[in-house]
C-alpha atoms as a PDB file:
ATOM      1  CA  MET A   1       7.512 -24.868 -61.006  1.00  0.00           C
ATOM      2  CA  LEU A   2       7.813 -22.565 -58.020  1.00  0.00           C
ATOM      3  CA  HIS A   3       4.206 -23.451 -57.225  1.00  0.00           C
ATOM      4  CA  TRP A   4       5.119 -27.161 -56.963  1.00  0.00           C
ATOM      5  CA  ALA A   5       8.103 -26.382 -54.740  1.00  0.00           C
ATOM      6  CA  ILE A   6       5.874 -24.395 -52.391  1.00  0.00           C
ATOM      7  CA  MET A   7       3.273 -27.175 -52.352  1.00  0.00           C
ATOM      8  CA  PHE A   8       5.873 -29.818 -51.425  1.00  0.00           C
ATOM      9  CA  PHE A   9       7.223 -27.481 -48.741  1.00  0.00           C
ATOM     10  CA  ILE A  10       3.735 -27.136 -47.247  1.00  0.00           C
ATOM     11  CA  VAL A  11       3.272 -30.920 -47.358  1.00  0.00           C
ATOM     12  CA  ALA A  12       6.613 -31.309 -45.555  1.00  0.00           C
ATOM     13  CA  ILE A  13       5.591 -28.858 -42.830  1.00  0.00           C
ATOM     14  CA  VAL A  14       2.203 -30.514 -42.296  1.00  0.00           C
ATOM     15  CA  ALA A  15       3.781 -33.978 -42.208  1.00  0.00           C
ATOM     16  CA  ALA A  16       6.392 -32.768 -39.714  1.00  0.00           C
ATOM     17  CA  ILE A  17       3.685 -31.328 -37.456  1.00  0.00           C
ATOM     18  CA  PHE A  18       1.853 -34.658 -37.391  1.00  0.00           C
ATOM     19  CA  GLY A  19       5.068 -36.625 -36.860  1.00  0.00           C
ATOM     20  CA  PHE A  20       5.414 -38.363 -40.208  1.00  0.00           C
ATOM     21  CA  THR A  21       9.181 -37.929 -40.394  1.00  0.00           C
ATOM     22  CA  GLY A  22       9.743 -40.105 -43.469  1.00  0.00           C
ATOM     23  CA  ILE A  23       7.102 -38.300 -45.503  1.00  0.00           C
ATOM     24  CA  ALA A  24       8.303 -34.918 -44.255  1.00  0.00           C
ATOM     25  CA  ALA A  25      11.900 -35.664 -45.242  1.00  0.00           C
ATOM     26  CA  GLY A  26      10.853 -36.901 -48.670  1.00  0.00           C
ATOM     27  CA  ALA A  27       8.633 -33.915 -49.380  1.00  0.00           C
ATOM     28  CA  ALA A  28      11.291 -31.501 -48.136  1.00  0.00           C
ATOM     29  CA  SER A  29      13.950 -33.020 -50.369  1.00  0.00           C
ATOM     30  CA  ILE A  30      11.635 -32.914 -53.401  1.00  0.00           C
ATOM     31  CA  ALA A  31      10.766 -29.279 -52.640  1.00  0.00           C
ATOM     32  CA  LYS A  32      14.463 -28.437 -52.351  1.00  0.00           C
ATOM     33  CA  ILE A  33      15.301 -30.046 -55.694  1.00  0.00           C
ATOM     34  CA  ILE A  34      12.391 -28.386 -57.505  1.00  0.00           C
ATOM     35  CA  PHE A  35      13.289 -25.009 -56.004  1.00  0.00           C
ATOM     36  CA  ILE A  36      16.920 -25.308 -57.145  1.00  0.00           C
ATOM     37  CA  VAL A  37      15.791 -26.265 -60.659  1.00  0.00           C
ATOM     38  CA  PHE A  38      13.442 -23.264 -60.648  1.00  0.00           C
ATOM     39  CA  ILE A  39      16.232 -20.886 -59.617  1.00  0.00           C
ATOM     40  CA  VAL A  40      18.594 -22.257 -62.287  1.00  0.00           C
ATOM     41  CA  LEU A  41      15.957 -21.940 -65.022  1.00  0.00           C
ATOM     42  CA  PHE A  42      15.046 -18.441 -63.841  1.00  0.00           C
ATOM     43  CA  VAL A  43      18.673 -17.256 -63.969  1.00  0.00           C
ATOM     44  CA  LEU A  44      19.167 -18.837 -67.394  1.00  0.00           C
ATOM     45  CA  SER A  45      16.047 -17.148 -68.724  1.00  0.00           C
ATOM     46  CA  LEU A  46      17.285 -13.796 -67.413  1.00  0.00           C
ATOM     47  CA  ILE A  47      20.704 -14.259 -69.020  1.00  0.00           C
ATOM     48  CA  PHE A  48      19.517 -15.540 -72.387  1.00  0.00           C
ATOM     49  CA  GLY A  49      16.532 -13.196 -72.501  1.00  0.00           C
ATOM     50  CA  GLY A  50      18.855 -10.224 -72.059  1.00  0.00           C
ATOM     51  CA  VAL A  51      21.345 -11.527 -74.615  1.00  0.00           C
ATOM     52  CA  ARG A  52      18.684 -12.085 -77.254  1.00  0.00           C
ATOM     53  CA  ARG A  53      17.232  -8.589 -76.972  1.00  0.00           C
ATOM     54  CA  GLY A  54      20.537  -6.788 -76.790  1.00  0.00           C
ATOM     55  CA  PRO A  55      21.195  -3.445 -75.134  1.00  0.00           C
ATOM     56  CA  ARG A  56      18.470  -0.829 -75.136  1.00  0.00           C
ATOM     57  CA  LEU A  57      19.581   2.590 -76.264  1.00  0.00           C
END
């Protein structure tokens, strides 16, 4: 999922360089949403992965 966020970010940068403001804004907003979803899923996997295993002694 992080890969898709990075790809949309690159598309947004390229579109901004060439002056396609509508496409750049759309790609940037999609990249932002995918990145936030990635961060939330990553944090949840850290929390629940640690809870499932329990403490290591």
